[in-house]
Amino acid sequence: MREIEFKMERPGLVKEGETVTVTEGLLPSNYYYTIDPSLAMSPNIPFNQRLKSKSGTVLKIEETPRGFYVLVGFDE
């Protein structure tokens, strides 16, 4: 299982155990992923680490002083 952490600005948009779908975005030298519909965003992911799966399960939600972070597990 591959895990990616997403930054979420507001609480309560997703719940632990929920299945989410992601949309892939392309930058000049990286990919990034967004939990649909624009709920949270991943950091930049290098080309050689591109996601193969477009859906995953929310494993954990953590609140920090910098915002909310959502850990999503993808079956790859």
C-alpha atoms as a PDB file:
ATOM      1  CA  MET A   1       0.000   0.000   0.000  1.00  0.00           C
ATOM      2  CA  ARG A   2       1.289   3.436  -0.933  1.00  0.00           C
ATOM      3  CA  GLU A   3       0.502   6.394   1.348  1.00  0.00           C
ATOM      4  CA  ILE A   4       0.339  10.079   0.374  1.00  0.00           C
ATOM      5  CA  GLU A   5      -0.346  12.998   2.688  1.00  0.00           C
ATOM      6  CA  PHE A   6      -2.744  15.708   1.471  1.00  0.00           C
ATOM      7  CA  LYS A   7      -3.212  19.214   2.940  1.00  0.00           C
ATOM      8  CA  MET A   8      -6.812  20.118   3.791  1.00  0.00           C
ATOM      9  CA  GLU A   9      -7.829  23.654   4.793  1.00  0.00           C
ATOM     10  CA  ARG A  10     -11.049  22.964   6.730  1.00  0.00           C
ATOM     11  CA  PRO A  11     -12.090  20.140   9.069  1.00  0.00           C
ATOM     12  CA  GLY A  12     -14.841  17.660   8.329  1.00  0.00           C
ATOM     13  CA  LEU A  13     -14.486  17.479   4.555  1.00  0.00           C
ATOM     14  CA  VAL A  14     -13.525  13.783   4.633  1.00  0.00           C
ATOM     15  CA  LYS A  15     -13.725  11.081   7.305  1.00  0.00           C
ATOM     16  CA  GLU A  16     -11.363   8.261   8.264  1.00  0.00           C
ATOM     17  CA  GLY A  17     -12.225   5.054   6.419  1.00  0.00           C
ATOM     18  CA  GLU A  18     -13.894   6.920   3.543  1.00  0.00           C
ATOM     19  CA  THR A  19     -12.965   6.047  -0.046  1.00  0.00           C
ATOM     20  CA  VAL A  20     -11.876   9.099  -2.051  1.00  0.00           C
ATOM     21  CA  THR A  21     -11.018   9.677  -5.705  1.00  0.00           C
ATOM     22  CA  VAL A  22      -8.156  11.876  -6.849  1.00  0.00           C
ATOM     23  CA  THR A  23      -7.545  13.995  -9.928  1.00  0.00           C
ATOM     24  CA  GLU A  24      -4.050  14.222 -11.384  1.00  0.00           C
ATOM     25  CA  GLY A  25      -2.531  17.595 -12.273  1.00  0.00           C
ATOM     26  CA  LEU A  26       0.590  18.158 -14.325  1.00  0.00           C
ATOM     27  CA  LEU A  27       3.386  20.649 -13.671  1.00  0.00           C
ATOM     28  CA  PRO A  28       6.510  21.083 -15.841  1.00  0.00           C
ATOM     29  CA  SER A  29       8.521  18.613 -13.748  1.00  0.00           C
ATOM     30  CA  ASN A  30       6.016  17.013 -11.312  1.00  0.00           C
ATOM     31  CA  TYR A  31       2.512  15.690 -10.792  1.00  0.00           C
ATOM     32  CA  TYR A  32       0.151  16.741  -8.023  1.00  0.00           C
ATOM     33  CA  TYR A  33      -3.104  15.183  -6.874  1.00  0.00           C
ATOM     34  CA  THR A  34      -6.346  16.677  -5.582  1.00  0.00           C
ATOM     35  CA  ILE A  35      -8.990  14.825  -3.579  1.00  0.00           C
ATOM     36  CA  ASP A  36     -12.237  15.384  -5.506  1.00  0.00           C
ATOM     37  CA  PRO A  37     -14.020  17.775  -5.442  1.00  0.00           C
ATOM     38  CA  SER A  38     -11.070  20.018  -4.506  1.00  0.00           C
ATOM     39  CA  LEU A  39     -11.036  19.022  -0.830  1.00  0.00           C
ATOM     40  CA  ALA A  40      -7.283  18.579  -0.283  1.00  0.00           C
ATOM     41  CA  MET A  41      -4.043  18.759  -2.281  1.00  0.00           C
ATOM     42  CA  SER A  42      -0.916  16.612  -2.315  1.00  0.00           C
ATOM     43  CA  PRO A  43       2.657  17.843  -2.430  1.00  0.00           C
ATOM     44  CA  ASN A  44       4.442  17.705  -5.794  1.00  0.00           C
ATOM     45  CA  ILE A  45       5.214  14.127  -6.846  1.00  0.00           C
ATOM     46  CA  PRO A  46       8.163  13.398  -9.199  1.00  0.00           C
ATOM     47  CA  PHE A  47       7.373  11.859 -12.589  1.00  0.00           C
ATOM     48  CA  ASN A  48       8.922   8.512 -11.643  1.00  0.00           C
ATOM     49  CA  GLN A  49       6.575   8.215  -8.620  1.00  0.00           C
ATOM     50  CA  ARG A  50       3.282   8.806 -10.481  1.00  0.00           C
ATOM     51  CA  LEU A  51       0.170   7.242  -8.917  1.00  0.00           C
ATOM     52  CA  LYS A  52      -1.295   4.273 -10.755  1.00  0.00           C
ATOM     53  CA  SER A  53      -4.536   4.209  -8.749  1.00  0.00           C
ATOM     54  CA  LYS A  54      -7.108   7.011  -8.840  1.00  0.00           C
ATOM     55  CA  SER A  55      -8.935   6.063  -5.625  1.00  0.00           C
ATOM     56  CA  GLY A  56      -7.804   5.388  -2.085  1.00  0.00           C
ATOM     57  CA  THR A  57      -8.916   5.117   1.527  1.00  0.00           C
ATOM     58  CA  VAL A  58      -8.501   7.835   4.154  1.00  0.00           C
ATOM     59  CA  LEU A  59      -6.288   6.290   6.832  1.00  0.00           C
ATOM     60  CA  LYS A  60      -5.794   9.209   9.201  1.00  0.00           C
ATOM     61  CA  ILE A  61      -6.658  12.890   9.644  1.00  0.00           C
ATOM     62  CA  GLU A  62      -4.318  15.025  11.735  1.00  0.00           C
ATOM     63  CA  GLU A  63      -4.799  18.616  12.926  1.00  0.00           C
ATOM     64  CA  THR A  64      -1.644  20.711  13.278  1.00  0.00           C
ATOM     65  CA  PRO A  65      -1.044  24.444  13.759  1.00  0.00           C
ATOM     66  CA  ARG A  66      -0.433  24.627   9.985  1.00  0.00           C
ATOM     67  CA  GLY A  67      -3.740  23.014   9.012  1.00  0.00           C
ATOM     68  CA  PHE A  68      -5.273  19.591   8.543  1.00  0.00           C
ATOM     69  CA  TYR A  69      -3.401  16.703   6.944  1.00  0.00           C
ATOM     70  CA  VAL A  70      -5.114  13.679   5.420  1.00  0.00           C
ATOM     71  CA  LEU A  71      -3.199  10.431   4.959  1.00  0.00           C
ATOM     72  CA  VAL A  72      -4.614   8.385   2.067  1.00  0.00           C
ATOM     73  CA  GLY A  73      -3.626   4.810   1.256  1.00  0.00           C
ATOM     74  CA  PHE A  74      -3.609   3.624  -2.365  1.00  0.00           C
ATOM     75  CA  ASP A  75      -3.470  -0.039  -3.453  1.00  0.00           C
ATOM     76  CA  GLU A  76      -0.512  -0.246  -5.816  1.00  0.00           C
END
